[in-house]
Amino acid sequence: MRTSTRVARSGVLERSSLAQQVVERLRQQIYDRTLAPGSRLDEVELATQLGVSRTPVREALRQLAARGLVELRAGRGAFVTELTLQDQRDIFPIMARLEGWVAHEVASHATEADLEHLAELHERLERWAAAGDVDRYWESNYVFHIAMQELVGNRWLQDILGELRRKLNLARHRSLKLAGRMDHSLAEHRALLRALRRRKADAADALMQRHLLNQLDALLLLEGQSVRTPATPQPGRRRAAAP
């Protein structure tokens, strides 16, 4: 693998990061489980396999750790993040409640310009779903959720959701591998966007919670497990106090 250099139309040379190329290669291998959950990532071995020095591999592992896909253990090295089904059962309901609250706050307080920005981000979801591109759909979905979270403007919420999201990054991507899940996810986003635009805060809360728990259901089905998601509030019912 070599650092690629090309001349842009402007005539300016553009150099892609070698570490970033390693990130993308390893990320794909983690997503398709060529690199199995819990497996140790040896810098020397990876550098040899990819035809690079250890420096870009080390930087790539740091970046992957920041995304929650790799764990760096002091004195032991790097390991592919392993998230058990029980971890997912425990974390998704927490995420659902918190992201439901985010949706409630956005529906209640976002400006029309904010909602228009979310609609523009949603268009990316439409485009990648139509193309059947799971990876780019997931990336656009990630950006959409982050954008909603930032509109709330609560740094403590961002810290908590950020940590949980890093844990679930791999699992949430895998949920889209279930046949039909991307189409269902898109339909859920459409319903959520309608609720936001109509300022139906309770409905937005319930729809977001169900959206997250449907991801858990998809992951359980992929593992041949029974679907066991807790009930979520129904749109229009009185909402409990925000966490």
C-alpha atoms as a PDB file:
ATOM      1  CA  MET A   1       0.000   0.000   0.000  1.00  0.00           C
ATOM      2  CA  ARG A   2       1.475   3.356  -0.977  1.00  0.00           C
ATOM      3  CA  THR A   3       0.523   6.916  -0.279  1.00  0.00           C
ATOM      4  CA  SER A   4      -1.325   8.033  -3.382  1.00  0.00           C
ATOM      5  CA  THR A   5      -0.667  11.418  -4.935  1.00  0.00           C
ATOM      6  CA  ARG A   6      -2.753  12.955  -7.690  1.00  0.00           C
ATOM      7  CA  VAL A   7      -3.132  16.319  -9.366  1.00  0.00           C
ATOM      8  CA  ALA A   8      -6.475  18.023  -8.784  1.00  0.00           C
ATOM      9  CA  ARG A   9      -8.150  20.046 -11.530  1.00  0.00           C
ATOM     10  CA  SER A  10      -6.787  23.185  -9.909  1.00  0.00           C
ATOM     11  CA  GLY A  11      -3.290  21.836 -10.440  1.00  0.00           C
ATOM     12  CA  VAL A  12      -2.660  21.470  -6.708  1.00  0.00           C
ATOM     13  CA  LEU A  13      -1.181  18.164  -5.588  1.00  0.00           C
ATOM     14  CA  GLU A  14      -3.368  16.191  -3.184  1.00  0.00           C
ATOM     15  CA  ARG A  15      -1.858  13.481  -0.984  1.00  0.00           C
ATOM     16  CA  SER A  16      -4.106  10.981   0.762  1.00  0.00           C
ATOM     17  CA  SER A  17      -3.097   9.970   4.253  1.00  0.00           C
ATOM     18  CA  LEU A  18      -1.462   6.583   4.447  1.00  0.00           C
ATOM     19  CA  ALA A  19      -2.793   6.156   7.969  1.00  0.00           C
ATOM     20  CA  GLN A  20      -6.289   6.916   6.703  1.00  0.00           C
ATOM     21  CA  GLN A  21      -5.961   4.214   4.052  1.00  0.00           C
ATOM     22  CA  VAL A  22      -4.990   1.770   6.807  1.00  0.00           C
ATOM     23  CA  VAL A  23      -7.983   2.937   8.875  1.00  0.00           C
ATOM     24  CA  GLU A  24     -10.379   2.242   6.024  1.00  0.00           C
ATOM     25  CA  ARG A  25      -8.868  -1.183   5.281  1.00  0.00           C
ATOM     26  CA  LEU A  26      -8.983  -2.284   8.924  1.00  0.00           C
ATOM     27  CA  ARG A  27     -12.405  -0.771   9.496  1.00  0.00           C
ATOM     28  CA  GLN A  28     -13.858  -2.786   6.628  1.00  0.00           C
ATOM     29  CA  GLN A  29     -12.205  -5.970   7.894  1.00  0.00           C
ATOM     30  CA  ILE A  30     -13.694  -5.334  11.345  1.00  0.00           C
ATOM     31  CA  TYR A  31     -17.150  -4.700   9.905  1.00  0.00           C
ATOM     32  CA  ASP A  32     -17.120  -7.858   7.784  1.00  0.00           C
ATOM     33  CA  ARG A  33     -15.538  -9.783  10.686  1.00  0.00           C
ATOM     34  CA  THR A  34     -12.396 -10.768   8.805  1.00  0.00           C
ATOM     35  CA  LEU A  35     -10.873  -9.369  11.984  1.00  0.00           C
ATOM     36  CA  ALA A  36     -12.931 -11.146  14.618  1.00  0.00           C
ATOM     37  CA  PRO A  37     -14.291  -9.424  17.750  1.00  0.00           C
ATOM     38  CA  GLY A  38     -11.801  -9.775  20.589  1.00  0.00           C
ATOM     39  CA  SER A  39      -8.867 -10.634  18.324  1.00  0.00           C
ATOM     40  CA  ARG A  40      -5.462  -9.054  19.001  1.00  0.00           C
ATOM     41  CA  LEU A  41      -4.119  -6.634  16.383  1.00  0.00           C
ATOM     42  CA  ASP A  42      -0.367  -7.042  16.072  1.00  0.00           C
ATOM     43  CA  GLU A  43       1.266  -3.910  14.652  1.00  0.00           C
ATOM     44  CA  VAL A  44       4.148  -5.769  13.027  1.00  0.00           C
ATOM     45  CA  GLU A  45       1.902  -8.369  11.430  1.00  0.00           C
ATOM     46  CA  LEU A  46      -0.523  -5.744  10.136  1.00  0.00           C
ATOM     47  CA  ALA A  47       2.300  -3.602   8.763  1.00  0.00           C
ATOM     48  CA  THR A  48       3.674  -6.617   6.889  1.00  0.00           C
ATOM     49  CA  GLN A  49       0.275  -7.599   5.507  1.00  0.00           C
ATOM     50  CA  LEU A  50      -0.501  -4.065   4.334  1.00  0.00           C
ATOM     51  CA  GLY A  51       2.986  -3.268   3.050  1.00  0.00           C
ATOM     52  CA  VAL A  52       3.494  -0.210   5.254  1.00  0.00           C
ATOM     53  CA  SER A  53       5.627   0.774   8.219  1.00  0.00           C
ATOM     54  CA  ARG A  54       4.397   0.456  11.798  1.00  0.00           C
ATOM     55  CA  THR A  55       3.858   4.225  12.119  1.00  0.00           C
ATOM     56  CA  PRO A  56       0.664   4.494   9.990  1.00  0.00           C
ATOM     57  CA  VAL A  57      -0.619   1.262  11.551  1.00  0.00           C
ATOM     58  CA  ARG A  58      -0.130   2.695  15.047  1.00  0.00           C
ATOM     59  CA  GLU A  59      -1.916   5.913  14.066  1.00  0.00           C
ATOM     60  CA  ALA A  60      -4.734   3.942  12.420  1.00  0.00           C
ATOM     61  CA  LEU A  61      -5.254   1.900  15.586  1.00  0.00           C
ATOM     62  CA  ARG A  62      -5.505   5.104  17.624  1.00  0.00           C
ATOM     63  CA  GLN A  63      -8.138   6.451  15.242  1.00  0.00           C
ATOM     64  CA  LEU A  64     -10.090   3.195  15.342  1.00  0.00           C
ATOM     65  CA  ALA A  65      -9.942   3.236  19.136  1.00  0.00           C
ATOM     66  CA  ALA A  66     -11.443   6.747  19.098  1.00  0.00           C
ATOM     67  CA  ARG A  67     -14.319   5.347  17.004  1.00  0.00           C
ATOM     68  CA  GLY A  68     -14.918   2.508  19.434  1.00  0.00           C
ATOM     69  CA  LEU A  69     -13.879  -0.237  17.015  1.00  0.00           C
ATOM     70  CA  VAL A  70     -10.593  -1.045  18.747  1.00  0.00           C
ATOM     71  CA  GLU A  71      -9.583  -1.217  22.409  1.00  0.00           C
ATOM     72  CA  LEU A  72      -6.051  -0.191  23.436  1.00  0.00           C
ATOM     73  CA  ARG A  73      -5.059  -2.098  26.567  1.00  0.00           C
ATOM     74  CA  ALA A  74      -2.034  -0.886  28.512  1.00  0.00           C
ATOM     75  CA  GLY A  75       0.844  -3.342  28.256  1.00  0.00           C
ATOM     76  CA  ARG A  76      -1.183  -5.764  26.115  1.00  0.00           C
ATOM     77  CA  GLY A  77      -1.716  -4.015  22.780  1.00  0.00           C
ATOM     78  CA  ALA A  78      -4.754  -3.428  20.568  1.00  0.00           C
ATOM     79  CA  PHE A  79      -7.833  -5.648  20.299  1.00  0.00           C
ATOM     80  CA  VAL A  80     -10.940  -5.565  18.129  1.00  0.00           C
ATOM     81  CA  THR A  81     -13.812  -4.355  20.288  1.00  0.00           C
ATOM     82  CA  GLU A  82     -15.990  -7.212  21.465  1.00  0.00           C
ATOM     83  CA  LEU A  83     -19.575  -6.343  22.273  1.00  0.00           C
ATOM     84  CA  THR A  84     -21.635  -9.214  23.641  1.00  0.00           C
ATOM     85  CA  LEU A  85     -25.339  -9.645  23.014  1.00  0.00           C
ATOM     86  CA  GLN A  86     -25.937  -8.881  26.679  1.00  0.00           C
ATOM     87  CA  ASP A  87     -23.956  -5.646  26.304  1.00  0.00           C
ATOM     88  CA  GLN A  88     -26.238  -4.708  23.426  1.00  0.00           C
ATOM     89  CA  ARG A  89     -29.380  -5.647  25.372  1.00  0.00           C
ATOM     90  CA  ASP A  90     -28.169  -3.434  28.221  1.00  0.00           C
ATOM     91  CA  ILE A  91     -26.972  -0.421  26.223  1.00  0.00           C
ATOM     92  CA  PHE A  92     -29.600  -0.014  23.498  1.00  0.00           C
ATOM     93  CA  PRO A  93     -32.511   0.758  25.884  1.00  0.00           C
ATOM     94  CA  ILE A  94     -30.374   3.458  27.543  1.00  0.00           C
ATOM     95  CA  MET A  95     -29.521   4.931  24.154  1.00  0.00           C
ATOM     96  CA  ALA A  96     -33.177   4.760  23.156  1.00  0.00           C
ATOM     97  CA  ARG A  97     -34.288   6.770  26.194  1.00  0.00           C
ATOM     98  CA  LEU A  98     -31.580   9.398  25.762  1.00  0.00           C
ATOM     99  CA  GLU A  99     -32.009   9.785  22.021  1.00  0.00           C
ATOM    100  CA  GLY A 100     -35.763   9.890  22.524  1.00  0.00           C
ATOM    101  CA  TRP A 101     -35.263  12.848  24.847  1.00  0.00           C
ATOM    102  CA  VAL A 102     -33.054  14.463  22.192  1.00  0.00           C
ATOM    103  CA  ALA A 103     -35.856  14.096  19.637  1.00  0.00           C
ATOM    104  CA  HIS A 104     -38.362  15.572  22.107  1.00  0.00           C
ATOM    105  CA  GLU A 105     -36.133  18.610  22.705  1.00  0.00           C
ATOM    106  CA  VAL A 106     -35.465  19.140  19.001  1.00  0.00           C
ATOM    107  CA  ALA A 107     -39.179  19.000  18.174  1.00  0.00           C
ATOM    108  CA  SER A 108     -39.874  21.479  20.975  1.00  0.00           C
ATOM    109  CA  HIS A 109     -37.087  24.002  20.482  1.00  0.00           C
ATOM    110  CA  ALA A 110     -35.305  23.687  17.119  1.00  0.00           C
ATOM    111  CA  THR A 111     -35.561  26.587  14.694  1.00  0.00           C
ATOM    112  CA  GLU A 112     -36.951  26.208  11.202  1.00  0.00           C
ATOM    113  CA  ALA A 113     -33.390  26.539   9.900  1.00  0.00           C
ATOM    114  CA  ASP A 114     -32.327  23.674  12.194  1.00  0.00           C
ATOM    115  CA  LEU A 115     -35.107  21.467  10.873  1.00  0.00           C
ATOM    116  CA  GLU A 116     -34.223  22.344   7.304  1.00  0.00           C
ATOM    117  CA  HIS A 117     -30.643  21.256   7.980  1.00  0.00           C
ATOM    118  CA  LEU A 118     -31.898  17.928   9.340  1.00  0.00           C
ATOM    119  CA  ALA A 119     -34.046  17.525   6.229  1.00  0.00           C
ATOM    120  CA  GLU A 120     -30.957  18.038   4.074  1.00  0.00           C
ATOM    121  CA  LEU A 121     -29.093  15.373   6.051  1.00  0.00           C
ATOM    122  CA  HIS A 122     -32.080  13.068   5.648  1.00  0.00           C
ATOM    123  CA  GLU A 123     -31.815  13.440   1.872  1.00  0.00           C
ATOM    124  CA  ARG A 124     -28.437  11.721   2.072  1.00  0.00           C
ATOM    125  CA  LEU A 125     -30.125   8.769   3.741  1.00  0.00           C
ATOM    126  CA  GLU A 126     -32.640   8.651   0.896  1.00  0.00           C
ATOM    127  CA  ARG A 127     -29.853   8.712  -1.675  1.00  0.00           C
ATOM    128  CA  TRP A 128     -27.716   5.970  -0.144  1.00  0.00           C
ATOM    129  CA  ALA A 129     -30.716   3.757   0.602  1.00  0.00           C
ATOM    130  CA  ALA A 130     -31.770   4.037  -3.057  1.00  0.00           C
ATOM    131  CA  ALA A 131     -28.228   3.042  -4.047  1.00  0.00           C
ATOM    132  CA  GLY A 132     -28.205   0.121  -1.596  1.00  0.00           C
ATOM    133  CA  ASP A 133     -24.968   1.447  -0.065  1.00  0.00           C
ATOM    134  CA  VAL A 134     -25.045   0.199   3.534  1.00  0.00           C
ATOM    135  CA  ASP A 135     -21.734   1.785   4.578  1.00  0.00           C
ATOM    136  CA  ARG A 136     -22.604   5.271   3.379  1.00  0.00           C
ATOM    137  CA  TYR A 137     -26.141   4.975   4.688  1.00  0.00           C
ATOM    138  CA  TRP A 138     -24.751   4.148   8.124  1.00  0.00           C
ATOM    139  CA  GLU A 139     -22.307   7.070   7.973  1.00  0.00           C
ATOM    140  CA  SER A 140     -25.107   9.467   6.975  1.00  0.00           C
ATOM    141  CA  ASN A 141     -27.325   8.042   9.714  1.00  0.00           C
ATOM    142  CA  TYR A 142     -24.524   8.667  12.219  1.00  0.00           C
ATOM    143  CA  VAL A 143     -24.191  12.289  11.069  1.00  0.00           C
ATOM    144  CA  PHE A 144     -27.964  12.792  11.340  1.00  0.00           C
ATOM    145  CA  HIS A 145     -28.085  11.542  14.926  1.00  0.00           C
ATOM    146  CA  ILE A 146     -25.059  13.629  15.923  1.00  0.00           C
ATOM    147  CA  ALA A 147     -26.640  16.726  14.348  1.00  0.00           C
ATOM    148  CA  MET A 148     -29.808  16.234  16.426  1.00  0.00           C
ATOM    149  CA  GLN A 149     -27.774  15.732  19.558  1.00  0.00           C
ATOM    150  CA  GLU A 150     -25.802  18.945  18.958  1.00  0.00           C
ATOM    151  CA  LEU A 151     -29.005  20.953  18.560  1.00  0.00           C
ATOM    152  CA  VAL A 152     -29.885  20.201  22.184  1.00  0.00           C
ATOM    153  CA  GLY A 153     -26.672  21.925  23.289  1.00  0.00           C
ATOM    154  CA  ASN A 154     -26.116  19.869  26.435  1.00  0.00           C
ATOM    155  CA  ARG A 155     -22.445  18.948  26.751  1.00  0.00           C
ATOM    156  CA  TRP A 156     -23.099  16.370  29.487  1.00  0.00           C
ATOM    157  CA  LEU A 157     -25.591  14.625  27.264  1.00  0.00           C
ATOM    158  CA  GLN A 158     -23.088  14.703  24.417  1.00  0.00           C
ATOM    159  CA  ASP A 159     -20.415  13.119  26.630  1.00  0.00           C
ATOM    160  CA  ILE A 160     -22.713  10.307  27.761  1.00  0.00           C
ATOM    161  CA  LEU A 161     -24.170   9.604  24.314  1.00  0.00           C
ATOM    162  CA  GLY A 162     -20.730   9.849  22.727  1.00  0.00           C
ATOM    163  CA  GLU A 163     -19.346   7.165  25.021  1.00  0.00           C
ATOM    164  CA  LEU A 164     -22.315   4.852  24.486  1.00  0.00           C
ATOM    165  CA  ARG A 165     -22.248   5.456  20.735  1.00  0.00           C
ATOM    166  CA  ARG A 166     -18.577   4.490  20.581  1.00  0.00           C
ATOM    167  CA  LYS A 167     -19.472   1.198  22.241  1.00  0.00           C
ATOM    168  CA  LEU A 168     -22.287   0.513  19.793  1.00  0.00           C
ATOM    169  CA  ASN A 169     -20.623   1.703  16.572  1.00  0.00           C
ATOM    170  CA  LEU A 170     -19.911  -1.788  15.312  1.00  0.00           C
ATOM    171  CA  ALA A 171     -23.252  -3.266  16.345  1.00  0.00           C
ATOM    172  CA  ARG A 172     -25.354  -0.451  14.862  1.00  0.00           C
ATOM    173  CA  HIS A 173     -23.611  -0.850  11.520  1.00  0.00           C
ATOM    174  CA  ARG A 174     -24.211  -4.611  11.537  1.00  0.00           C
ATOM    175  CA  SER A 175     -27.938  -4.168  12.130  1.00  0.00           C
ATOM    176  CA  LEU A 176     -28.255  -2.862   8.562  1.00  0.00           C
ATOM    177  CA  LYS A 177     -27.077  -6.238   7.253  1.00  0.00           C
ATOM    178  CA  LEU A 178     -30.439  -7.781   8.118  1.00  0.00           C
ATOM    179  CA  ALA A 179     -32.531  -8.143   4.971  1.00  0.00           C
ATOM    180  CA  GLY A 180     -34.937  -5.219   4.691  1.00  0.00           C
ATOM    181  CA  ARG A 181     -33.538  -3.380   7.732  1.00  0.00           C
ATOM    182  CA  MET A 182     -32.191  -0.402   5.751  1.00  0.00           C
ATOM    183  CA  ASP A 183     -35.608   0.182   4.152  1.00  0.00           C
ATOM    184  CA  HIS A 184     -37.301  -0.029   7.546  1.00  0.00           C
ATOM    185  CA  SER A 185     -34.703   2.307   9.039  1.00  0.00           C
ATOM    186  CA  LEU A 186     -35.370   4.838   6.290  1.00  0.00           C
ATOM    187  CA  ALA A 187     -39.128   4.636   6.897  1.00  0.00           C
ATOM    188  CA  GLU A 188     -38.506   5.264  10.596  1.00  0.00           C
ATOM    189  CA  HIS A 189     -36.408   8.322   9.748  1.00  0.00           C
ATOM    190  CA  ARG A 190     -39.148   9.666   7.486  1.00  0.00           C
ATOM    191  CA  ALA A 191     -41.715   9.321  10.275  1.00  0.00           C
ATOM    192  CA  LEU A 192     -39.341  10.964  12.746  1.00  0.00           C
ATOM    193  CA  LEU A 193     -38.688  13.898  10.430  1.00  0.00           C
ATOM    194  CA  ARG A 194     -42.435  14.412   9.958  1.00  0.00           C
ATOM    195  CA  ALA A 195     -42.946  14.480  13.730  1.00  0.00           C
ATOM    196  CA  LEU A 196     -40.123  16.984  14.148  1.00  0.00           C
ATOM    197  CA  ARG A 197     -41.502  19.270  11.472  1.00  0.00           C
ATOM    198  CA  ARG A 198     -45.002  19.134  12.995  1.00  0.00           C
ATOM    199  CA  ARG A 199     -43.534  19.896  16.448  1.00  0.00           C
ATOM    200  CA  LYS A 200     -45.029  16.694  17.862  1.00  0.00           C
ATOM    201  CA  ALA A 201     -42.507  16.230  20.648  1.00  0.00           C
ATOM    202  CA  ASP A 202     -44.048  13.166  22.318  1.00  0.00           C
ATOM    203  CA  ALA A 203     -44.398  11.405  18.978  1.00  0.00           C
ATOM    204  CA  ALA A 204     -40.786  12.236  18.055  1.00  0.00           C
ATOM    205  CA  ASP A 205     -39.624  10.831  21.394  1.00  0.00           C
ATOM    206  CA  ALA A 206     -41.542   7.560  20.917  1.00  0.00           C
ATOM    207  CA  LEU A 207     -40.475   7.191  17.281  1.00  0.00           C
ATOM    208  CA  MET A 208     -36.804   7.685  18.119  1.00  0.00           C
ATOM    209  CA  GLN A 209     -36.969   5.160  20.932  1.00  0.00           C
ATOM    210  CA  ARG A 210     -38.574   2.586  18.667  1.00  0.00           C
ATOM    211  CA  HIS A 211     -35.987   3.342  15.956  1.00  0.00           C
ATOM    212  CA  LEU A 212     -33.153   2.459  18.365  1.00  0.00           C
ATOM    213  CA  LEU A 213     -34.865  -0.627  19.738  1.00  0.00           C
ATOM    214  CA  ASN A 214     -35.597  -1.862  16.221  1.00  0.00           C
ATOM    215  CA  GLN A 215     -31.847  -1.837  15.656  1.00  0.00           C
ATOM    216  CA  LEU A 216     -31.466  -4.079  18.679  1.00  0.00           C
ATOM    217  CA  ASP A 217     -34.174  -6.380  17.321  1.00  0.00           C
ATOM    218  CA  ALA A 218     -32.302  -6.606  14.004  1.00  0.00           C
ATOM    219  CA  LEU A 219     -29.069  -7.544  15.771  1.00  0.00           C
ATOM    220  CA  LEU A 220     -30.813 -10.207  17.847  1.00  0.00           C
ATOM    221  CA  LEU A 221     -32.381 -11.687  14.719  1.00  0.00           C
ATOM    222  CA  LEU A 222     -28.977 -11.776  13.014  1.00  0.00           C
ATOM    223  CA  GLU A 223     -27.721 -13.846  15.950  1.00  0.00           C
ATOM    224  CA  GLY A 224     -30.734 -16.153  15.843  1.00  0.00           C
ATOM    225  CA  GLN A 225     -32.071 -14.786  19.125  1.00  0.00           C
ATOM    226  CA  SER A 226     -35.626 -14.034  20.138  1.00  0.00           C
ATOM    227  CA  VAL A 227     -36.639 -10.399  19.900  1.00  0.00           C
ATOM    228  CA  ARG A 228     -36.968  -9.031  23.404  1.00  0.00           C
ATOM    229  CA  THR A 229     -37.207  -5.249  23.349  1.00  0.00           C
ATOM    230  CA  PRO A 230     -39.018  -3.389  26.125  1.00  0.00           C
ATOM    231  CA  ALA A 231     -42.163  -1.465  25.311  1.00  0.00           C
ATOM    232  CA  THR A 232     -41.726   2.175  24.336  1.00  0.00           C
ATOM    233  CA  PRO A 233     -44.104   5.090  24.822  1.00  0.00           C
ATOM    234  CA  GLN A 234     -46.792   5.429  22.191  1.00  0.00           C
ATOM    235  CA  PRO A 235     -47.087   8.758  20.349  1.00  0.00           C
ATOM    236  CA  GLY A 236     -49.560  11.050  22.044  1.00  0.00           C
ATOM    237  CA  ARG A 237     -49.303   9.529  25.509  1.00  0.00           C
ATOM    238  CA  ARG A 238     -48.130  11.637  28.413  1.00  0.00           C
ATOM    239  CA  ARG A 239     -44.358  11.642  28.503  1.00  0.00           C
ATOM    240  CA  ALA A 240     -42.304  11.010  31.605  1.00  0.00           C
ATOM    241  CA  ALA A 241     -39.949  13.727  32.834  1.00  0.00           C
ATOM    242  CA  ALA A 242     -36.750  14.068  30.844  1.00  0.00           C
ATOM    243  CA  PRO A 243     -33.690  12.356  32.299  1.00  0.00           C
END
